C-alpha cells in the first residue's frame, strides 16, 4: 500500500485527537481521555513543544471507509536518563485497524527512531498493556526488551489529588 510518514502539523490535531480516542477505545480506557485537540495544538505546536508527532497518510484513493486519509500516528517526547543520556519516550503508536498489516506501524516506529537517533538519543522507551499481545509481539520482533521481566522495573504514576498533594508539599523558598 502507498503511504507517507510526515511530521504532524497544527492542522492535523483534530485527526490525531480522533485516533487517540480510537486507541483508547481499543485499550478499554475511553473514559480516561480528557485532552482536546485545542490542547494538542497548544502543547505540540508552541515555542517549546511538549511532544512531537508523526502521522501516516494514504492517498485519497486509499482513504478509509469513513473517508480519512490520516490513518496512523506516532506520538513521542524526549526524556533524559541519568545513566544513559538522551532518550525518547513513545507515548502512542497507532494504525487504524483496516490499515494494519501494510507496514505502516513499522514505518512509523522506524521514523520515530531515526528522528531520535538524529537528535542523539540512545534509547527508545514505551509502555504496553500486559494483555496487548499483538503489540508486545510486534515490539519484541523488532528487538525490544521487556524491562518488567528482565530488570523488574515498575512504571509508577501520580495524578489527581495525589499529584496536587505532592505539589502542595514543595518548599516555599
N, C-alpha and C. Protein backbone atom coordinates (compact mmCIF):
# COMPACT_ATOMS: atom_id res chain seq x y z
N UNK A 1 0.84 -1.18 0.00
CA UNK A 1 0.00 0.00 0.00
C UNK A 1 0.88 1.24 0.00
N UNK A 2 0.45 2.25 -0.71
CA UNK A 2 1.16 3.51 -0.80
C UNK A 2 0.76 4.41 0.37
N UNK A 3 1.75 4.90 1.12
CA UNK A 3 1.51 5.82 2.23
C UNK A 3 2.76 6.64 2.44
N UNK A 4 2.62 7.74 3.18
CA UNK A 4 3.79 8.52 3.55
C UNK A 4 3.74 8.82 5.03
N UNK A 5 4.92 8.99 5.60
CA UNK A 5 5.07 9.37 7.01
C UNK A 5 5.60 10.80 7.00
N UNK A 6 4.94 11.66 7.77
CA UNK A 6 5.37 13.06 7.82
C UNK A 6 5.14 13.63 9.21
N UNK A 7 5.86 14.71 9.54
CA UNK A 7 5.59 15.37 10.82
C UNK A 7 4.17 15.93 10.85
N UNK A 8 3.52 15.81 11.98
CA UNK A 8 2.18 16.38 12.13
C UNK A 8 2.27 17.89 12.13
N UNK A 9 1.20 18.52 11.72
CA UNK A 9 1.07 19.97 11.79
C UNK A 9 -0.07 20.30 12.74
N UNK A 10 -0.17 21.56 13.07
CA UNK A 10 -1.26 22.02 13.94
C UNK A 10 -2.61 21.65 13.34
N UNK A 11 -2.71 21.70 12.03
CA UNK A 11 -3.97 21.39 11.34
C UNK A 11 -4.35 19.91 11.44
N UNK A 12 -3.42 19.05 11.81
CA UNK A 12 -3.69 17.61 11.95
C UNK A 12 -4.25 17.24 13.32
N UNK A 13 -4.33 18.17 14.24
CA UNK A 13 -4.67 17.84 15.63
C UNK A 13 -6.07 17.24 15.78
N UNK A 14 -7.03 17.64 14.97
CA UNK A 14 -8.37 17.03 15.07
C UNK A 14 -8.30 15.55 14.69
N UNK A 15 -7.52 15.23 13.67
CA UNK A 15 -7.37 13.84 13.25
C UNK A 15 -6.59 13.04 14.29
N UNK A 16 -5.57 13.63 14.86
CA UNK A 16 -4.81 12.96 15.91
C UNK A 16 -5.72 12.69 17.11
N UNK A 17 -6.52 13.69 17.47
CA UNK A 17 -7.46 13.55 18.59
C UNK A 17 -8.44 12.40 18.33
N UNK A 18 -8.92 12.29 17.09
CA UNK A 18 -9.82 11.19 16.71
C UNK A 18 -9.15 9.84 16.93
N UNK A 19 -7.90 9.74 16.49
CA UNK A 19 -7.20 8.46 16.61
C UNK A 19 -6.80 8.16 18.05
N UNK A 20 -6.52 9.18 18.85
CA UNK A 20 -6.26 8.96 20.28
C UNK A 20 -7.48 8.29 20.91
N UNK A 21 -8.67 8.77 20.56
CA UNK A 21 -9.89 8.16 21.11
C UNK A 21 -10.07 6.74 20.58
N UNK A 22 -9.76 6.50 19.32
CA UNK A 22 -9.86 5.14 18.77
C UNK A 22 -8.93 4.19 19.54
N UNK A 23 -7.72 4.65 19.82
CA UNK A 23 -6.77 3.84 20.58
C UNK A 23 -7.29 3.59 21.99
N UNK A 24 -7.83 4.62 22.62
CA UNK A 24 -8.37 4.47 23.98
C UNK A 24 -9.53 3.47 24.01
N UNK A 25 -10.36 3.48 22.99
CA UNK A 25 -11.46 2.51 22.90
C UNK A 25 -10.88 1.10 22.80
N UNK A 26 -9.87 0.91 21.94
CA UNK A 26 -9.21 -0.38 21.79
C UNK A 26 -8.63 -0.85 23.12
N UNK A 27 -8.06 0.08 23.90
CA UNK A 27 -7.44 -0.27 25.17
C UNK A 27 -8.44 -0.31 26.33
N UNK A 28 -9.73 -0.18 26.02
CA UNK A 28 -10.80 -0.19 27.03
C UNK A 28 -10.62 0.92 28.06
N UNK A 29 -10.18 2.08 27.60
CA UNK A 29 -9.92 3.20 28.51
C UNK A 29 -10.46 4.52 27.96
N UNK A 30 -11.50 4.47 27.18
CA UNK A 30 -12.00 5.69 26.55
C UNK A 30 -12.43 6.74 27.57
N UNK A 31 -12.84 6.31 28.75
CA UNK A 31 -13.24 7.25 29.80
C UNK A 31 -12.05 8.02 30.37
N UNK A 32 -10.83 7.58 30.07
CA UNK A 32 -9.62 8.24 30.58
C UNK A 32 -9.19 9.44 29.74
N UNK A 33 -9.67 9.53 28.50
CA UNK A 33 -9.22 10.60 27.59
C UNK A 33 -9.90 11.91 27.98
N UNK A 34 -9.10 12.87 28.37
CA UNK A 34 -9.61 14.18 28.79
C UNK A 34 -9.06 15.32 27.94
N UNK A 35 -8.15 15.03 27.03
CA UNK A 35 -7.48 16.07 26.26
C UNK A 35 -8.27 16.44 25.00
N UNK A 36 -8.20 17.69 24.62
CA UNK A 36 -8.89 18.17 23.42
C UNK A 36 -7.88 18.44 22.31
N UNK A 37 -8.37 18.57 21.10
CA UNK A 37 -7.44 18.89 20.01
C UNK A 37 -6.85 20.29 20.20
N UNK A 38 -7.58 21.17 20.88
CA UNK A 38 -7.03 22.50 21.17
C UNK A 38 -5.81 22.40 22.10
N UNK A 39 -5.89 21.51 23.08
CA UNK A 39 -4.74 21.31 23.97
C UNK A 39 -3.57 20.70 23.21
N UNK A 40 -3.86 19.79 22.29
CA UNK A 40 -2.79 19.23 21.46
C UNK A 40 -2.13 20.33 20.64
N UNK A 41 -2.94 21.21 20.06
CA UNK A 41 -2.40 22.33 19.29
C UNK A 41 -1.50 23.20 20.15
N UNK A 42 -1.98 23.55 21.34
CA UNK A 42 -1.24 24.41 22.25
C UNK A 42 0.07 23.77 22.69
N UNK A 43 0.02 22.49 23.07
CA UNK A 43 1.17 21.84 23.68
C UNK A 43 2.18 21.28 22.68
N UNK A 44 1.75 21.01 21.47
CA UNK A 44 2.66 20.42 20.49
C UNK A 44 3.19 21.39 19.46
N UNK A 45 2.58 22.56 19.37
CA UNK A 45 2.96 23.48 18.30
C UNK A 45 3.20 24.88 18.86
N UNK A 46 3.99 24.91 19.93
CA UNK A 46 4.36 26.15 20.61
C UNK A 46 5.88 26.30 20.51
N UNK A 47 6.40 27.33 21.15
CA UNK A 47 7.84 27.59 21.07
C UNK A 47 8.67 26.43 21.65
N UNK A 48 8.22 25.85 22.76
CA UNK A 48 8.90 24.71 23.38
C UNK A 48 7.90 23.56 23.50
N UNK A 49 7.68 22.83 22.41
CA UNK A 49 6.64 21.78 22.43
C UNK A 49 6.91 20.69 23.46
N UNK A 50 5.82 20.19 24.03
CA UNK A 50 5.89 19.10 24.99
C UNK A 50 5.99 17.75 24.30
N UNK A 51 5.62 17.68 23.04
CA UNK A 51 5.65 16.42 22.30
C UNK A 51 5.89 16.70 20.82
N UNK A 52 6.21 15.61 20.12
CA UNK A 52 6.27 15.63 18.66
C UNK A 52 5.39 14.48 18.18
N UNK A 53 4.97 14.57 16.94
CA UNK A 53 4.07 13.55 16.40
C UNK A 53 4.34 13.37 14.92
N UNK A 54 4.35 12.14 14.50
CA UNK A 54 4.41 11.80 13.08
C UNK A 54 3.07 11.20 12.70
N UNK A 55 2.66 11.42 11.47
CA UNK A 55 1.41 10.81 11.02
C UNK A 55 1.67 9.99 9.75
N UNK A 56 0.81 8.99 9.57
CA UNK A 56 0.81 8.18 8.36
C UNK A 56 -0.38 8.61 7.54
N UNK A 57 -0.12 8.88 6.27
CA UNK A 57 -1.17 9.39 5.39
C UNK A 57 -1.20 8.58 4.11
N UNK A 58 -2.39 8.21 3.70
CA UNK A 58 -2.57 7.47 2.45
C UNK A 58 -3.16 8.42 1.41
N UNK A 59 -2.97 8.11 0.12
CA UNK A 59 -3.58 8.94 -0.92
C UNK A 59 -5.12 8.86 -0.85
N UNK A 60 -5.75 9.83 -1.39
CA UNK A 60 -7.21 9.93 -1.39
C UNK A 60 -7.87 8.64 -1.90
N UNK A 61 -7.28 8.01 -2.90
CA UNK A 61 -7.88 6.79 -3.47
C UNK A 61 -7.82 5.59 -2.51
N UNK A 62 -7.03 5.69 -1.45
CA UNK A 62 -6.95 4.61 -0.46
C UNK A 62 -7.55 5.00 0.88
N UNK A 63 -8.33 6.07 0.92
CA UNK A 63 -8.88 6.56 2.19
C UNK A 63 -9.70 5.48 2.89
N UNK A 64 -9.90 5.67 4.17
CA UNK A 64 -10.64 4.70 4.98
C UNK A 64 -12.11 4.68 4.59
N UNK A 65 -12.83 3.69 5.11
CA UNK A 65 -14.27 3.59 4.85
C UNK A 65 -15.00 4.86 5.28
N UNK A 66 -14.48 5.51 6.34
CA UNK A 66 -15.10 6.75 6.85
C UNK A 66 -14.60 7.99 6.12
N UNK A 67 -13.66 7.83 5.18
CA UNK A 67 -13.17 8.95 4.39
C UNK A 67 -11.89 9.60 4.91
N UNK A 68 -11.17 8.94 5.82
CA UNK A 68 -9.95 9.52 6.39
C UNK A 68 -8.73 9.15 5.56
N UNK A 69 -7.84 10.10 5.38
CA UNK A 69 -6.56 9.81 4.73
C UNK A 69 -5.42 9.74 5.75
N UNK A 70 -5.59 10.34 6.92
CA UNK A 70 -4.62 10.19 8.00
C UNK A 70 -5.04 8.95 8.79
N UNK A 71 -4.20 7.91 8.72
CA UNK A 71 -4.61 6.59 9.20
C UNK A 71 -3.76 6.04 10.35
N UNK A 72 -2.78 6.82 10.79
CA UNK A 72 -1.95 6.36 11.89
C UNK A 72 -1.11 7.50 12.42
N UNK A 73 -0.59 7.30 13.62
CA UNK A 73 0.27 8.32 14.21
C UNK A 73 1.24 7.69 15.21
N UNK A 74 2.33 8.40 15.44
CA UNK A 74 3.29 8.06 16.48
C UNK A 74 3.52 9.35 17.28
N UNK A 75 3.27 9.27 18.57
CA UNK A 75 3.29 10.41 19.47
C UNK A 75 4.42 10.19 20.46
N UNK A 76 5.39 11.10 20.51
CA UNK A 76 6.58 10.86 21.33
C UNK A 76 7.11 12.16 21.93
N UNK A 77 8.01 12.01 22.90
CA UNK A 77 8.67 13.16 23.50
C UNK A 77 10.03 12.71 24.01
N UNK A 78 10.82 13.66 24.48
CA UNK A 78 12.18 13.38 24.89
C UNK A 78 12.29 13.35 26.40
N UNK A 79 13.11 12.45 26.89
CA UNK A 79 13.39 12.32 28.31
C UNK A 79 14.92 12.27 28.46
N UNK A 80 15.35 12.09 29.68
CA UNK A 80 16.79 12.02 29.93
C UNK A 80 17.07 10.97 30.97
N UNK A 81 18.02 10.12 30.70
CA UNK A 81 18.44 9.08 31.64
C UNK A 81 19.74 9.53 32.30
N UNK A 82 19.76 9.52 33.62
CA UNK A 82 20.99 9.87 34.32
C UNK A 82 22.07 8.80 34.13
N UNK A 83 21.70 7.65 33.61
CA UNK A 83 22.66 6.58 33.35
C UNK A 83 23.10 6.55 31.89
N UNK A 84 22.18 6.89 30.98
CA UNK A 84 22.46 6.70 29.55
C UNK A 84 22.44 7.99 28.73
N UNK A 85 21.75 9.03 29.19
CA UNK A 85 21.69 10.28 28.43
C UNK A 85 20.36 10.45 27.71
N UNK A 86 20.43 11.05 26.55
CA UNK A 86 19.23 11.39 25.79
C UNK A 86 18.40 10.17 25.44
N UNK A 87 17.09 10.30 25.66
CA UNK A 87 16.17 9.19 25.41
C UNK A 87 14.88 9.73 24.79
N UNK A 88 14.15 8.84 24.17
CA UNK A 88 12.84 9.14 23.62
C UNK A 88 11.82 8.26 24.32
N UNK A 89 10.61 8.80 24.49
CA UNK A 89 9.51 8.00 25.02
C UNK A 89 8.39 8.00 23.99
N UNK A 90 8.00 6.82 23.56
CA UNK A 90 6.91 6.67 22.59
C UNK A 90 5.62 6.49 23.38
N UNK A 91 4.82 7.54 23.40
CA UNK A 91 3.55 7.52 24.15
C UNK A 91 2.52 6.66 23.43
N UNK A 92 2.35 6.88 22.14
CA UNK A 92 1.37 6.13 21.34
C UNK A 92 1.95 5.78 19.98
N UNK A 93 1.64 4.58 19.52
CA UNK A 93 1.84 4.18 18.13
C UNK A 93 0.53 3.54 17.72
N UNK A 94 -0.16 4.13 16.75
CA UNK A 94 -1.49 3.66 16.39
C UNK A 94 -1.66 3.66 14.88
N UNK A 95 -2.26 2.58 14.39
CA UNK A 95 -2.66 2.47 12.99
C UNK A 95 -4.11 1.99 12.99
N UNK A 96 -4.94 2.65 12.22
CA UNK A 96 -6.35 2.25 12.14
C UNK A 96 -6.44 0.77 11.73
N UNK A 97 -7.36 0.01 12.33
CA UNK A 97 -7.42 -1.43 12.08
C UNK A 97 -7.43 -1.84 10.61
N UNK A 98 -8.16 -1.12 9.77
CA UNK A 98 -8.25 -1.53 8.37
C UNK A 98 -6.95 -1.32 7.60
N UNK A 99 -5.98 -0.62 8.20
CA UNK A 99 -4.71 -0.36 7.54
C UNK A 99 -3.54 -1.14 8.15
N UNK A 100 -3.83 -1.93 9.17
CA UNK A 100 -2.77 -2.73 9.80
C UNK A 100 -2.31 -3.84 8.84
N UNK A 101 -1.06 -4.24 9.01
CA UNK A 101 -0.51 -5.29 8.17
C UNK A 101 0.07 -4.78 6.87
N UNK A 102 0.15 -3.47 6.69
CA UNK A 102 0.70 -2.87 5.47
C UNK A 102 2.06 -2.21 5.69
N UNK A 103 2.66 -2.41 6.86
CA UNK A 103 3.97 -1.83 7.13
C UNK A 103 3.93 -0.42 7.69
N UNK A 104 2.72 0.11 7.96
CA UNK A 104 2.60 1.48 8.45
C UNK A 104 3.15 1.61 9.86
N UNK A 105 2.81 0.68 10.74
CA UNK A 105 3.31 0.72 12.11
C UNK A 105 4.83 0.62 12.15
N UNK A 106 5.39 -0.28 11.37
CA UNK A 106 6.84 -0.43 11.31
C UNK A 106 7.48 0.85 10.79
N UNK A 107 6.88 1.45 9.77
CA UNK A 107 7.43 2.69 9.21
C UNK A 107 7.37 3.82 10.23
N UNK A 108 6.27 3.94 10.96
CA UNK A 108 6.17 4.96 12.00
C UNK A 108 7.24 4.75 13.08
N UNK A 109 7.37 3.51 13.54
CA UNK A 109 8.35 3.19 14.58
C UNK A 109 9.77 3.48 14.09
N UNK A 110 10.07 3.11 12.87
CA UNK A 110 11.40 3.35 12.30
C UNK A 110 11.68 4.84 12.17
N UNK A 111 10.69 5.61 11.74
CA UNK A 111 10.88 7.05 11.57
C UNK A 111 11.06 7.74 12.92
N UNK A 112 10.28 7.37 13.93
CA UNK A 112 10.46 7.93 15.27
C UNK A 112 11.89 7.65 15.74
N UNK A 113 12.35 6.44 15.53
CA UNK A 113 13.69 6.05 15.96
C UNK A 113 14.75 6.85 15.20
N UNK A 114 14.56 7.03 13.92
CA UNK A 114 15.51 7.82 13.12
C UNK A 114 15.57 9.27 13.64
N UNK A 115 14.42 9.87 13.92
CA UNK A 115 14.37 11.23 14.45
C UNK A 115 15.15 11.30 15.77
N UNK A 116 14.91 10.34 16.64
CA UNK A 116 15.62 10.30 17.92
C UNK A 116 17.12 10.12 17.76
N UNK A 117 17.51 9.19 16.91
CA UNK A 117 18.94 8.96 16.68
C UNK A 117 19.60 10.22 16.14
N UNK A 118 18.90 10.95 15.26
CA UNK A 118 19.45 12.19 14.71
C UNK A 118 19.60 13.27 15.78
N UNK A 119 18.86 13.15 16.89
CA UNK A 119 18.97 14.10 18.00
C UNK A 119 19.86 13.55 19.12
N UNK A 120 20.54 12.46 18.86
CA UNK A 120 21.48 11.91 19.83
C UNK A 120 20.87 11.00 20.88
N UNK A 121 19.64 10.56 20.68
CA UNK A 121 19.00 9.66 21.65
C UNK A 121 19.65 8.28 21.58
N UNK A 122 19.85 7.70 22.76
CA UNK A 122 20.49 6.39 22.83
C UNK A 122 19.51 5.27 23.13
N UNK A 123 18.25 5.65 23.38
CA UNK A 123 17.25 4.60 23.58
C UNK A 123 15.85 5.15 23.35
N UNK A 124 14.94 4.22 23.10
CA UNK A 124 13.52 4.50 22.92
C UNK A 124 12.78 3.63 23.93
N UNK A 125 11.92 4.26 24.71
CA UNK A 125 11.15 3.52 25.71
C UNK A 125 9.67 3.70 25.45
N UNK A 126 8.87 2.74 25.92
CA UNK A 126 7.43 2.79 25.77
C UNK A 126 6.79 1.83 26.76
N UNK A 127 5.50 1.95 26.92
CA UNK A 127 4.73 1.05 27.77
C UNK A 127 3.69 0.34 26.92
N UNK A 128 3.42 -0.90 27.26
CA UNK A 128 2.39 -1.68 26.57
C UNK A 128 1.56 -2.39 27.62
N UNK A 129 0.25 -2.36 27.45
CA UNK A 129 -0.63 -3.07 28.38
C UNK A 129 -0.32 -4.56 28.36
N UNK A 130 -0.37 -5.20 29.52
CA UNK A 130 0.04 -6.61 29.62
C UNK A 130 -0.81 -7.56 28.80
N UNK A 131 -2.04 -7.20 28.46
CA UNK A 131 -2.90 -8.08 27.66
C UNK A 131 -2.76 -7.83 26.15
N UNK A 132 -2.02 -6.80 25.76
CA UNK A 132 -1.92 -6.42 24.34
C UNK A 132 -0.83 -7.24 23.64
N UNK A 133 -1.11 -8.52 23.48
CA UNK A 133 -0.15 -9.45 22.89
C UNK A 133 0.29 -9.05 21.48
N UNK A 134 -0.62 -8.56 20.60
CA UNK A 134 -0.13 -8.16 19.27
C UNK A 134 0.96 -7.08 19.34
N UNK A 135 0.78 -6.10 20.21
CA UNK A 135 1.79 -5.05 20.33
C UNK A 135 3.06 -5.57 21.00
N UNK A 136 2.91 -6.36 22.05
CA UNK A 136 4.09 -6.95 22.70
C UNK A 136 4.90 -7.77 21.71
N UNK A 137 4.22 -8.56 20.90
CA UNK A 137 4.90 -9.38 19.89
C UNK A 137 5.56 -8.52 18.82
N UNK A 138 4.86 -7.45 18.39
CA UNK A 138 5.39 -6.53 17.38
C UNK A 138 6.70 -5.92 17.86
N UNK A 139 6.71 -5.37 19.07
CA UNK A 139 7.92 -4.74 19.60
C UNK A 139 9.02 -5.77 19.87
N UNK A 140 8.66 -6.93 20.39
CA UNK A 140 9.65 -7.97 20.64
C UNK A 140 10.33 -8.41 19.34
N UNK A 141 9.55 -8.51 18.27
CA UNK A 141 10.10 -8.91 16.97
C UNK A 141 11.11 -7.89 16.44
N UNK A 142 10.99 -6.65 16.91
CA UNK A 142 11.93 -5.60 16.49
C UNK A 142 13.12 -5.50 17.45
N UNK A 143 13.13 -6.33 18.51
CA UNK A 143 14.26 -6.36 19.43
C UNK A 143 14.05 -5.65 20.76
N UNK A 144 12.82 -5.24 21.05
CA UNK A 144 12.55 -4.56 22.32
C UNK A 144 12.73 -5.52 23.50
N UNK A 145 13.18 -4.96 24.62
CA UNK A 145 13.32 -5.72 25.86
C UNK A 145 12.15 -5.38 26.78
N UNK A 146 11.60 -6.37 27.42
CA UNK A 146 10.54 -6.14 28.42
C UNK A 146 11.23 -5.97 29.77
N UNK A 147 11.38 -4.72 30.21
CA UNK A 147 12.12 -4.44 31.45
C UNK A 147 11.39 -4.92 32.69
N UNK A 148 10.07 -5.10 32.60
CA UNK A 148 9.33 -5.64 33.73
C UNK A 148 9.85 -7.04 34.04
N UNK A 149 10.10 -7.80 33.00
CA UNK A 149 10.58 -9.17 33.15
C UNK A 149 12.08 -9.19 33.43
N UNK A 150 12.87 -8.49 32.60
CA UNK A 150 14.33 -8.62 32.68
C UNK A 150 14.96 -7.86 33.84
N UNK A 151 14.39 -6.69 34.22
CA UNK A 151 15.02 -5.88 35.26
C UNK A 151 14.11 -5.61 36.45
N UNK A 152 12.84 -5.96 36.34
CA UNK A 152 11.91 -5.79 37.46
C UNK A 152 11.42 -4.37 37.68
N UNK A 153 11.53 -3.50 36.69
CA UNK A 153 11.06 -2.12 36.83
C UNK A 153 9.54 -2.08 36.84
N UNK A 154 9.00 -1.15 37.61
CA UNK A 154 7.57 -0.87 37.62
C UNK A 154 7.36 0.55 37.14
N UNK A 155 6.35 0.77 36.36
CA UNK A 155 6.00 2.09 35.86
C UNK A 155 5.05 2.71 36.88
N UNK A 156 5.41 3.87 37.45
CA UNK A 156 4.66 4.49 38.54
C UNK A 156 4.08 5.82 38.07
N UNK A 157 2.90 6.17 38.58
CA UNK A 157 2.25 7.42 38.19
C UNK A 157 1.62 8.10 39.39
N UNK A 158 1.70 9.42 39.42
CA UNK A 158 0.94 10.26 40.35
C UNK A 158 0.02 11.11 39.50
N UNK A 159 -1.24 11.24 39.90
CA UNK A 159 -2.14 12.17 39.22
C UNK A 159 -3.24 12.61 40.18
N UNK A 160 -4.10 13.50 39.72
CA UNK A 160 -5.23 13.96 40.51
C UNK A 160 -4.83 14.50 41.86
N UNK A 161 -5.56 14.10 42.88
CA UNK A 161 -5.35 14.59 44.25
C UNK A 161 -3.94 14.28 44.75
N UNK A 162 -3.42 13.12 44.42
CA UNK A 162 -2.09 12.74 44.89
C UNK A 162 -1.01 13.65 44.29
N UNK A 163 -1.18 14.02 43.04
CA UNK A 163 -0.26 14.96 42.40
C UNK A 163 -0.37 16.33 43.07
N UNK A 164 -1.61 16.77 43.30
CA UNK A 164 -1.84 18.05 43.98
C UNK A 164 -1.20 18.06 45.36
N UNK A 165 -1.40 16.97 46.11
CA UNK A 165 -0.84 16.89 47.46
C UNK A 165 0.69 16.95 47.44
N UNK A 166 1.31 16.28 46.47
CA UNK A 166 2.77 16.33 46.37
C UNK A 166 3.24 17.75 46.10
N UNK A 167 2.56 18.44 45.18
CA UNK A 167 2.95 19.82 44.83
C UNK A 167 2.77 20.76 46.03
N UNK A 168 1.74 20.56 46.81
CA UNK A 168 1.49 21.41 47.99
C UNK A 168 2.59 21.26 49.03
N UNK A 169 3.27 20.13 49.03
CA UNK A 169 4.34 19.87 49.99
C UNK A 169 5.68 20.45 49.59
N UNK A 170 5.75 21.14 48.42
CA UNK A 170 7.03 21.70 47.97
C UNK A 170 7.46 22.87 48.84
N UNK A 171 8.76 22.99 49.11
CA UNK A 171 9.24 24.14 49.90
C UNK A 171 8.88 25.46 49.22
N UNK A 172 8.57 26.46 50.04
CA UNK A 172 8.17 27.77 49.53
C UNK A 172 9.32 28.76 49.66
N UNK A 173 10.43 28.51 49.02
CA UNK A 173 11.56 29.42 49.12
C UNK A 173 11.92 30.06 47.81
